[in-house]
Amino acid sequence: MENNTFAKHPTFYAVGLSYKKADAEMRGKFSLDEQAKTNLLHQAKGEGIDSLIVTSTCNRTEIYGFAQHPFQLIKLLCENSQGTVEDFQKVAFVYKNSEAISHMFRVGTGLDSQILGDFEIISQLKNAFVKSKEFDLANAFLERLVNAVIQASKKIKNETEISSGATSVSFASVQYIFKNVEDIASKNILLFGTGKIGRNTCENLVKHTKHEQITLINRTKEKAEKLAKKLDVIVKDYADLQIELQKADVVVVATGAQNPTVDKAILNLKKPLLILDLSIPKNVNENVKDIEGVTLVHMDELSQITDETLENRKKHIPAAEAIIEEIKDEFMAWTKQRKFAPTIHALKAKLNTIKEGELNFQRKKLANFDEEQAELITARIIQKITNHFANHLKDDETMVDESIEWIEKIFQLETVSK
């Protein structure tokens, strides 16, 4: 596929990092909370970036946008996170033009997810676009691209079984607990934090255990109470965290904190404790493993749990990829047409100028000049000529940049935006 540069804009890039090369600690360095995303958009606007969106989840942090050089986007990411350029170079990726477009399609449709077919990211992309639009940082190209990815995501969900069956980090968490904790029905479970994965894990646990065994704690008690009401579980104050940790047999940590909220200093244990850390950045200090009887499992380990469901999903990858190619081809055709449209308009205007000059000459020369007939014939000729050029530029074999350059040179076209 041709690596086009797009009309009126610098190069389109995707820069970022994901679970594929960056471990949880590194992803934590580059993670962006809502305030950091807002700051990044403010800075982008101030630095003259035309259009971009930024996403940050447990598994990836990415910027999609237009820049003269990818470092403009990398700089935005590093200056608004704890990551450095050196860190970025070790684990990150930079894609441009068609590769960047393909990457967004794979991410948004769950093909690039840590657990295949996990469609959580599509809502993140939607939200990122809405936020960029508020800052006037979402141009027509980006809007069309995001909508195309949303369309592909919906079609894959509806027409394939790539997201069938219960497979997610929260599902893997529950599987892990049931497999590794004996007599779970008599054990106490503490959920600390109400992040999305934590909420889903809690819902799954409620289905398989007694409600009175599950205790919920969150820094903002209102959020915990809202979830507790829905699931009929107990809520405790944040101030009671240390006491509740001593009572628990299983702790699920899913807070949005930027630094560890649980470490060995607050654990005074008299029995074994399983801790699942479902947070990015990590919210449980590795030093808890110094305490005898403590088992710490991070979400990356849980994501590696593959089962029959996941294997079944892999069979549907070709069908999903075919849908992506179909919608992506439509998008690329639109970008190509968008690119050469100004040239065709300028060509038509130039031919009309030539026509008017020639008709004026003939009016003076011919006494019985038929104005209406001349207009009709010349308009049809101009339309046929411009159609020939348009069809040439639409052809997949055409080198669009080179052709546009020749057309402009031959017809001496001016003020054509590239």
Protein backbone atom coordinates (compact mmCIF):
# COMPACT_ATOMS: atom_id res chain seq x y z
CA MET A 1 0.00 0.00 0.00
CA GLU A 2 1.31 3.43 -0.92
CA ASN A 3 2.66 5.57 1.91
CA ASN A 4 0.80 8.77 1.11
CA THR A 5 1.34 12.11 2.73
CA PHE A 6 -2.01 13.76 3.12
CA ALA A 7 -3.44 16.97 1.75
CA LYS A 8 -2.94 20.12 3.79
CA HIS A 9 -1.28 18.24 6.64
CA PRO A 10 2.17 17.09 7.73
CA THR A 11 2.84 13.36 8.10
CA PHE A 12 0.40 11.20 10.09
CA TYR A 13 2.13 9.23 12.87
CA ALA A 14 1.27 6.73 15.58
CA VAL A 15 3.78 6.78 18.45
CA GLY A 16 3.62 4.95 21.74
CA LEU A 17 4.24 1.72 23.61
CA SER A 18 2.27 -1.36 24.58
CA TYR A 19 2.44 -4.62 26.51
CA LYS A 20 4.26 -6.19 23.54
CA LYS A 21 7.62 -4.62 24.39
CA ALA A 22 7.02 -2.62 27.60
CA ASP A 23 6.52 -4.37 30.93
CA ALA A 24 4.07 -3.09 33.54
CA GLU A 25 6.70 -0.92 35.23
CA MET A 26 7.63 0.80 31.95
CA ARG A 27 3.98 1.21 30.94
CA GLY A 28 3.42 2.77 34.34
CA LYS A 29 6.08 5.41 33.63
CA PHE A 30 4.32 6.47 30.45
CA SER A 31 0.73 6.17 31.69
CA LEU A 32 -1.35 9.35 31.53
CA ASP A 33 -4.23 10.16 33.86
CA GLU A 34 -7.01 12.55 32.79
CA GLN A 35 -5.13 15.64 33.95
CA ALA A 36 -1.96 14.58 32.12
CA LYS A 37 -3.97 14.02 28.92
CA THR A 38 -5.50 17.49 29.27
CA ASN A 39 -2.06 19.03 29.83
CA LEU A 40 -0.72 17.21 26.78
CA LEU A 41 -3.53 18.53 24.57
CA HIS A 42 -2.98 22.08 25.87
CA GLN A 43 0.73 21.79 25.08
CA ALA A 44 0.06 20.33 21.62
CA LYS A 45 -2.23 23.24 20.83
CA GLY A 46 0.39 25.71 22.02
CA GLU A 47 3.10 24.06 19.92
CA GLY A 48 1.08 24.29 16.70
CA ILE A 49 0.11 20.63 16.34
CA ASP A 50 -2.81 20.49 13.93
CA SER A 51 -4.59 17.33 15.02
CA LEU A 52 -4.00 14.43 17.42
CA ILE A 53 -5.63 12.05 19.88
CA VAL A 54 -4.05 10.43 22.93
CA THR A 55 -5.04 7.18 24.67
CA SER A 56 -3.69 5.60 27.84
CA THR A 57 -4.88 2.25 29.20
CA CYS A 58 -3.40 -0.52 31.31
CA ASN A 59 -1.87 -2.08 28.21
CA ARG A 60 -0.78 0.88 26.08
CA THR A 61 -0.20 4.62 25.82
CA GLU A 62 -0.39 6.02 22.29
CA ILE A 63 -0.60 9.27 20.36
CA TYR A 64 -2.02 9.42 16.85
CA GLY A 65 -1.44 12.74 15.12
CA PHE A 66 0.09 14.97 12.48
CA ALA A 67 3.60 16.35 12.83
CA GLN A 68 6.55 17.48 10.75
CA HIS A 69 8.65 14.92 12.68
CA PRO A 70 7.61 12.14 15.11
CA PHE A 71 9.79 13.64 17.85
CA GLN A 72 7.20 16.42 18.23
CA LEU A 73 4.74 13.77 19.46
CA ILE A 74 7.32 11.78 21.44
CA LYS A 75 8.30 15.00 23.24
CA LEU A 76 4.65 15.62 24.21
CA LEU A 77 4.39 12.11 25.65
CA CYS A 78 7.65 12.26 27.62
CA GLU A 79 7.05 15.77 28.99
CA ASN A 80 3.62 14.80 30.34
CA SER A 81 4.57 11.44 31.86
CA GLN A 82 7.36 9.96 33.97
CA GLY A 83 8.95 8.35 30.90
CA THR A 84 12.14 9.57 29.25
CA VAL A 85 13.18 9.69 25.61
CA GLU A 86 15.78 6.99 26.41
CA ASP A 87 13.02 4.76 27.85
CA PHE A 88 10.88 5.43 24.80
CA GLN A 89 13.64 4.39 22.41
CA LYS A 90 14.01 1.04 24.21
CA VAL A 91 10.39 -0.12 24.12
CA ALA A 92 8.29 2.11 21.86
CA PHE A 93 7.15 2.20 18.24
CA VAL A 94 6.77 4.88 15.57
CA TYR A 95 4.51 4.22 12.58
CA LYS A 96 3.78 6.64 9.75
CA ASN A 97 1.00 7.12 7.21
CA SER A 98 -0.52 3.79 6.05
CA GLU A 99 1.30 1.83 8.80
CA ALA A 100 -0.10 4.21 11.44
CA ILE A 101 -3.59 3.83 9.96
CA SER A 102 -3.31 0.02 9.97
CA HIS A 103 -2.12 0.10 13.58
CA MET A 104 -5.15 2.09 14.72
CA PHE A 105 -7.46 -0.39 12.97
CA ARG A 106 -5.81 -3.36 14.70
CA VAL A 107 -5.86 -1.67 18.10
CA GLY A 108 -9.45 -0.46 17.82
CA THR A 109 -10.79 -3.85 16.72
CA GLY A 110 -9.17 -5.88 19.50
CA LEU A 111 -6.64 -7.68 17.26
CA ASP A 112 -3.75 -5.97 19.03
CA SER A 113 -5.21 -6.35 22.54
CA GLN A 114 -3.33 -8.21 25.26
CA ILE A 115 -6.28 -10.58 25.33
CA LEU A 116 -7.45 -11.14 21.75
CA GLY A 117 -10.89 -9.72 21.01
CA ASP A 118 -10.99 -7.38 24.01
CA PHE A 119 -12.93 -4.38 22.71
CA GLU A 120 -12.46 -2.06 25.71
CA ILE A 121 -10.03 0.10 23.70
CA ILE A 122 -12.66 1.28 21.17
CA SER A 123 -14.44 3.32 23.84
CA GLN A 124 -11.06 4.81 24.77
CA LEU A 125 -10.51 5.88 21.16
CA LYS A 126 -13.99 7.43 21.01
CA ASN A 127 -13.41 9.34 24.25
CA ALA A 128 -9.95 10.46 23.08
CA PHE A 129 -11.45 11.85 19.88
CA VAL A 130 -14.20 13.72 21.77
CA LYS A 131 -11.60 15.25 24.10
CA SER A 132 -9.38 16.32 21.18
CA LYS A 133 -12.40 17.87 19.47
CA GLU A 134 -12.98 20.02 22.56
CA PHE A 135 -9.47 21.43 22.00
CA ASP A 136 -10.08 21.84 18.25
CA LEU A 137 -7.40 19.21 17.65
CA ALA A 138 -9.43 16.77 15.54
CA ASN A 139 -9.46 17.46 11.80
CA ALA A 140 -11.59 15.82 9.10
CA PHE A 141 -8.97 13.14 8.40
CA LEU A 142 -8.83 12.02 12.05
CA GLU A 143 -12.62 12.11 12.40
CA ARG A 144 -13.06 9.97 9.30
CA LEU A 145 -10.35 7.54 10.47
CA VAL A 146 -11.79 7.11 13.99
CA ASN A 147 -15.28 6.58 12.54
CA ALA A 148 -13.89 3.99 10.11
CA VAL A 149 -12.21 2.11 13.01
CA ILE A 150 -15.47 2.25 15.01
CA GLN A 151 -17.33 0.87 11.97
CA ALA A 152 -14.80 -1.98 11.62
CA SER A 153 -15.04 -2.75 15.34
CA LYS A 154 -18.84 -3.00 15.22
CA LYS A 155 -18.79 -5.14 12.09
CA ILE A 156 -16.21 -7.55 13.56
CA LYS A 157 -18.24 -7.82 16.77
CA ASN A 158 -21.45 -8.52 14.86
CA GLU A 159 -20.11 -10.78 12.09
CA THR A 160 -17.36 -12.81 13.80
CA GLU A 161 -16.96 -14.64 17.09
CA ILE A 162 -13.61 -13.08 17.94
CA SER A 163 -15.03 -11.66 21.18
CA SER A 164 -17.16 -14.68 22.08
CA GLY A 165 -16.83 -16.41 25.42
CA ALA A 166 -15.66 -14.98 28.72
CA THR A 167 -12.04 -13.97 28.31
CA SER A 168 -10.62 -10.82 29.89
CA VAL A 169 -8.19 -9.82 32.63
CA SER A 170 -11.08 -9.78 35.12
CA PHE A 171 -12.20 -13.24 33.99
CA ALA A 172 -8.59 -14.48 34.21
CA SER A 173 -8.37 -12.99 37.72
CA VAL A 174 -11.38 -14.94 38.91
CA GLN A 175 -10.08 -18.10 37.23
CA TYR A 176 -6.75 -17.64 39.00
CA ILE A 177 -8.40 -17.11 42.41
CA PHE A 178 -10.60 -20.21 42.08
CA LYS A 179 -7.67 -22.32 40.88
CA ASN A 180 -5.22 -21.21 43.59
CA VAL A 181 -7.34 -20.52 46.70
CA GLU A 182 -8.77 -23.61 48.37
CA ASP A 183 -12.28 -23.46 49.79
CA ILE A 184 -12.93 -19.98 48.34
CA ALA A 185 -16.48 -20.09 49.73
CA SER A 186 -15.13 -19.57 53.25
CA LYS A 187 -12.50 -16.92 52.41
CA ASN A 188 -12.61 -13.14 52.82
CA ILE A 189 -12.07 -11.03 49.68
CA LEU A 190 -11.09 -7.35 49.72
CA LEU A 191 -11.43 -5.17 46.61
CA PHE A 192 -9.38 -1.98 46.91
CA GLY A 193 -10.25 0.54 44.18
CA THR A 194 -13.11 0.71 41.71
CA GLY A 195 -11.27 0.78 38.37
CA LYS A 196 -13.06 -0.89 35.46
CA ILE A 197 -11.11 -4.17 35.66
CA GLY A 198 -11.64 -4.22 39.44
CA ARG A 199 -15.38 -3.66 39.04
CA ASN A 200 -15.64 -6.46 36.49
CA THR A 201 -13.62 -8.79 38.73
CA CYS A 202 -15.88 -7.95 41.65
CA GLU A 203 -18.99 -8.72 39.56
CA ASN A 204 -17.54 -12.10 38.56
CA LEU A 205 -16.63 -12.91 42.16
CA VAL A 206 -20.12 -11.99 43.37
CA LYS A 207 -21.59 -14.54 40.95
CA HIS A 208 -19.53 -17.35 42.51
CA THR A 209 -19.21 -16.44 46.20
CA LYS A 210 -21.29 -15.22 49.13
CA HIS A 211 -21.81 -11.46 49.09
CA GLU A 212 -20.97 -11.00 52.77
CA GLN A 213 -17.42 -12.28 52.10
CA ILE A 214 -16.59 -9.35 49.80
CA THR A 215 -15.53 -5.96 51.19
CA LEU A 216 -15.03 -2.88 49.05
CA ILE A 217 -12.77 0.10 49.84
CA ASN A 218 -12.14 3.15 47.68
CA ARG A 219 -10.53 6.54 48.37
CA THR A 220 -13.80 8.16 47.25
CA LYS A 221 -16.39 6.33 49.32
CA GLU A 222 -19.32 7.47 47.12
CA LYS A 223 -17.95 5.45 44.17
CA ALA A 224 -17.56 2.37 46.35
CA GLU A 225 -21.11 2.76 47.73
CA LYS A 226 -22.54 3.03 44.22
CA LEU A 227 -20.88 -0.25 43.19
CA ALA A 228 -21.70 -1.92 46.53
CA LYS A 229 -25.39 -1.08 46.13
CA LYS A 230 -25.42 -2.69 42.70
CA LEU A 231 -23.59 -5.85 43.85
CA ASP A 232 -24.82 -6.05 47.45
CA VAL A 233 -21.38 -6.09 49.08
CA ILE A 234 -19.93 -4.42 52.19
CA VAL A 235 -18.23 -1.00 52.03
CA LYS A 236 -15.57 0.18 54.49
CA ASP A 237 -13.82 3.55 54.89
CA TYR A 238 -10.42 4.13 53.33
CA ALA A 239 -9.12 4.67 56.88
CA ASP A 240 -9.95 1.01 57.60
CA LEU A 241 -7.71 -0.33 54.82
CA GLN A 242 -4.95 -1.64 57.11
CA ILE A 243 -7.45 -3.46 59.35
CA GLU A 244 -9.28 -5.00 56.38
CA LEU A 245 -5.99 -6.17 54.85
CA GLN A 246 -5.33 -8.23 57.98
CA LYS A 247 -8.73 -9.92 57.67
CA ALA A 248 -8.47 -10.70 53.96
CA ASP A 249 -7.44 -13.95 52.30
CA VAL A 250 -7.55 -12.41 48.82
CA VAL A 251 -6.95 -8.74 47.92
CA VAL A 252 -7.73 -7.32 44.48
CA VAL A 253 -6.08 -3.91 43.96
CA ALA A 254 -7.50 -1.80 41.13
CA THR A 255 -6.83 1.84 41.99
CA GLY A 256 -5.85 4.62 39.63
CA ALA A 257 -3.03 5.89 41.84
CA GLN A 258 0.26 6.87 40.22
CA ASN A 259 2.31 5.36 43.11
CA PRO A 260 2.00 2.12 45.15
CA THR A 261 -0.81 2.21 47.71
CA VAL A 262 -0.04 -1.15 49.33
CA ASP A 263 3.38 -2.13 50.69
CA LYS A 264 4.78 -4.41 53.38
CA ALA A 265 4.71 -1.63 56.00
CA ILE A 266 0.89 -1.82 56.23
CA LEU A 267 0.70 -5.62 56.22
CA ASN A 268 0.69 -7.29 59.63
CA LEU A 269 -0.35 -10.77 58.60
CA LYS A 270 -1.19 -13.85 60.57
CA LYS A 271 -2.26 -15.97 57.58
CA PRO A 272 -1.42 -16.40 53.85
CA LEU A 273 -2.54 -13.61 51.52
CA LEU A 274 -3.02 -13.58 47.74
CA ILE A 275 -2.75 -10.11 46.18
CA LEU A 276 -3.81 -9.43 42.59
CA ASP A 277 -2.58 -6.07 41.29
CA LEU A 278 -4.76 -5.05 38.34
CA SER A 279 -3.38 -1.51 38.13
CA ILE A 280 -1.13 0.43 35.74
CA PRO A 281 1.08 1.87 37.14
CA LYS A 282 1.55 -0.96 39.64
CA ASN A 283 -0.20 -0.14 42.92
CA VAL A 284 1.37 -2.86 45.06
CA ASN A 285 5.01 -2.55 46.06
CA GLU A 286 7.13 -5.59 45.19
CA ASN A 287 8.41 -5.56 48.78
CA VAL A 288 5.21 -7.30 49.96
CA LYS A 289 6.81 -10.50 48.65
CA ASP A 290 9.36 -10.20 51.47
CA ILE A 291 6.58 -11.25 53.86
CA GLU A 292 6.17 -14.99 54.27
CA GLY A 293 2.86 -16.25 52.93
CA VAL A 294 2.24 -13.36 50.54
CA THR A 295 1.70 -14.16 46.85
CA LEU A 296 1.67 -11.18 44.49
CA VAL A 297 0.32 -11.57 40.94
CA HIS A 298 0.23 -8.71 38.43
CA MET A 299 -2.21 -8.32 35.56
CA ASP A 300 0.48 -9.13 32.96
CA GLU A 301 0.77 -12.64 34.40
CA LEU A 302 -3.02 -13.02 34.40
CA SER A 303 -3.17 -11.91 30.76
CA GLN A 304 -0.99 -14.87 29.79
CA ILE A 305 -3.65 -17.32 30.92
CA THR A 306 -4.93 -18.88 27.73
CA ASP A 307 -7.81 -21.28 27.63
CA GLU A 308 -10.15 -22.93 25.17
CA THR A 309 -12.09 -19.70 24.66
CA LEU A 310 -9.00 -17.77 23.59
CA GLU A 311 -7.86 -20.54 21.24
CA ASN A 312 -11.32 -20.51 19.65
CA ARG A 313 -11.10 -16.76 19.10
CA LYS A 314 -7.91 -17.14 17.07
CA LYS A 315 -9.85 -19.02 14.39
CA HIS A 316 -11.77 -15.81 13.63
CA ILE A 317 -8.71 -13.60 13.02
CA PRO A 318 -8.76 -14.02 9.19
CA ALA A 319 -12.44 -12.96 9.01
CA ALA A 320 -11.70 -9.93 11.22
CA GLU A 321 -8.70 -8.98 9.09
CA ALA A 322 -10.78 -9.19 5.91
CA ILE A 323 -13.32 -6.74 7.40
CA ILE A 324 -10.51 -4.38 8.39
CA GLU A 325 -9.01 -4.48 4.87
CA GLU A 326 -12.38 -3.71 3.29
CA ILE A 327 -13.09 -0.67 5.47
CA LYS A 328 -9.48 0.47 5.45
CA ASP A 329 -9.42 0.38 1.63
CA GLU A 330 -12.50 2.61 1.55
CA PHE A 331 -10.76 5.02 3.89
CA MET A 332 -7.55 5.03 1.85
CA ALA A 333 -9.55 5.69 -1.34
CA TRP A 334 -11.12 8.68 0.42
CA THR A 335 -7.70 10.03 1.50
CA LYS A 336 -6.38 9.62 -2.03
CA GLN A 337 -9.32 11.49 -3.53
CA ARG A 338 -9.05 14.14 -0.84
CA LYS A 339 -5.43 14.59 -1.81
CA PHE A 340 -5.88 15.13 -5.53
CA ALA A 341 -9.27 16.92 -5.41
CA PRO A 342 -7.66 20.43 -5.19
CA THR A 343 -5.56 19.65 -8.28
CA ILE A 344 -8.62 18.49 -10.27
CA HIS A 345 -10.56 21.62 -9.19
CA ALA A 346 -7.62 23.83 -10.21
CA LEU A 347 -7.29 21.97 -13.53
CA LYS A 348 -10.99 22.46 -14.26
CA ALA A 349 -10.71 26.18 -13.43
CA LYS A 350 -7.68 26.50 -15.73
CA LEU A 351 -9.48 24.75 -18.62
CA ASN A 352 -12.49 27.02 -18.10
CA THR A 353 -10.19 30.06 -18.29
CA ILE A 354 -8.74 28.73 -21.58
CA LYS A 355 -12.29 28.08 -22.81
CA GLU A 356 -13.47 31.61 -21.96
CA GLY A 357 -10.50 33.11 -23.81
CA GLU A 358 -11.19 31.01 -26.89
CA LEU A 359 -14.95 31.71 -26.87
CA ASN A 360 -14.29 35.46 -26.58
CA PHE A 361 -12.01 35.22 -29.62
CA GLN A 362 -14.65 33.30 -31.62
CA ARG A 363 -17.44 35.71 -30.64
CA LYS A 364 -15.51 38.57 -32.20
CA LYS A 365 -14.52 36.55 -35.25
CA LEU A 366 -17.84 34.85 -36.13
CA ALA A 367 -20.96 36.87 -36.90
CA ASN A 368 -23.31 33.91 -36.40
CA PHE A 369 -21.55 32.55 -33.27
CA ASP A 370 -23.85 30.11 -31.41
CA GLU A 371 -23.19 30.93 -27.72
CA GLU A 372 -25.39 28.18 -26.26
CA GLN A 373 -24.00 25.43 -28.52
CA ALA A 374 -20.39 26.47 -27.83
CA GLU A 375 -20.97 26.48 -24.03
CA LEU A 376 -22.55 23.02 -24.15
CA ILE A 377 -19.81 21.43 -26.27
CA THR A 378 -16.86 22.98 -24.38
CA ALA A 379 -18.35 22.12 -20.96
CA ARG A 380 -18.67 18.47 -22.01
CA ILE A 381 -15.11 18.39 -23.35
CA ILE A 382 -13.74 19.91 -20.11
CA GLN A 383 -15.69 17.39 -18.02
CA LYS A 384 -14.35 14.47 -20.08
CA ILE A 385 -10.75 15.74 -19.79
CA THR A 386 -10.96 16.22 -15.99
CA ASN A 387 -12.62 12.79 -15.63
CA HIS A 388 -9.67 11.21 -17.48
CA PHE A 389 -7.22 12.87 -15.07
CA ALA A 390 -9.33 11.95 -12.02
CA ASN A 391 -9.54 8.29 -13.11
CA HIS A 392 -5.78 8.22 -13.65
CA LEU A 393 -5.18 9.60 -10.13
CA LYS A 394 -7.64 7.10 -8.61
CA ASP A 395 -5.82 4.14 -10.16
CA ASP A 396 -3.99 2.00 -7.58
CA GLU A 397 -0.93 1.86 -9.85
CA THR A 398 -0.62 5.66 -10.06
CA MET A 399 2.16 7.47 -8.20
CA VAL A 400 -0.11 10.26 -7.01
CA ASP A 401 2.54 12.77 -5.89
CA GLU A 402 4.44 12.48 -9.16
CA SER A 403 1.28 12.77 -11.28
CA ILE A 404 0.02 15.81 -9.39
CA GLU A 405 3.40 17.47 -9.86
CA TRP A 406 3.32 16.88 -13.64
CA ILE A 407 -0.27 18.11 -14.00
CA GLU A 408 0.57 21.29 -12.10
CA LYS A 409 3.69 21.83 -14.21
CA ILE A 410 2.05 21.18 -17.59
CA PHE A 411 -1.03 23.33 -16.93
CA GLN A 412 0.88 25.89 -14.80
CA LEU A 413 -1.57 25.52 -11.93
CA GLU A 414 -1.18 27.83 -8.98
CA THR A 415 -2.30 27.84 -5.31
CA VAL A 416 -2.76 24.07 -5.22
CA SER A 417 -2.49 22.75 -1.63
CA LYS A 418 -0.57 19.54 -1.21
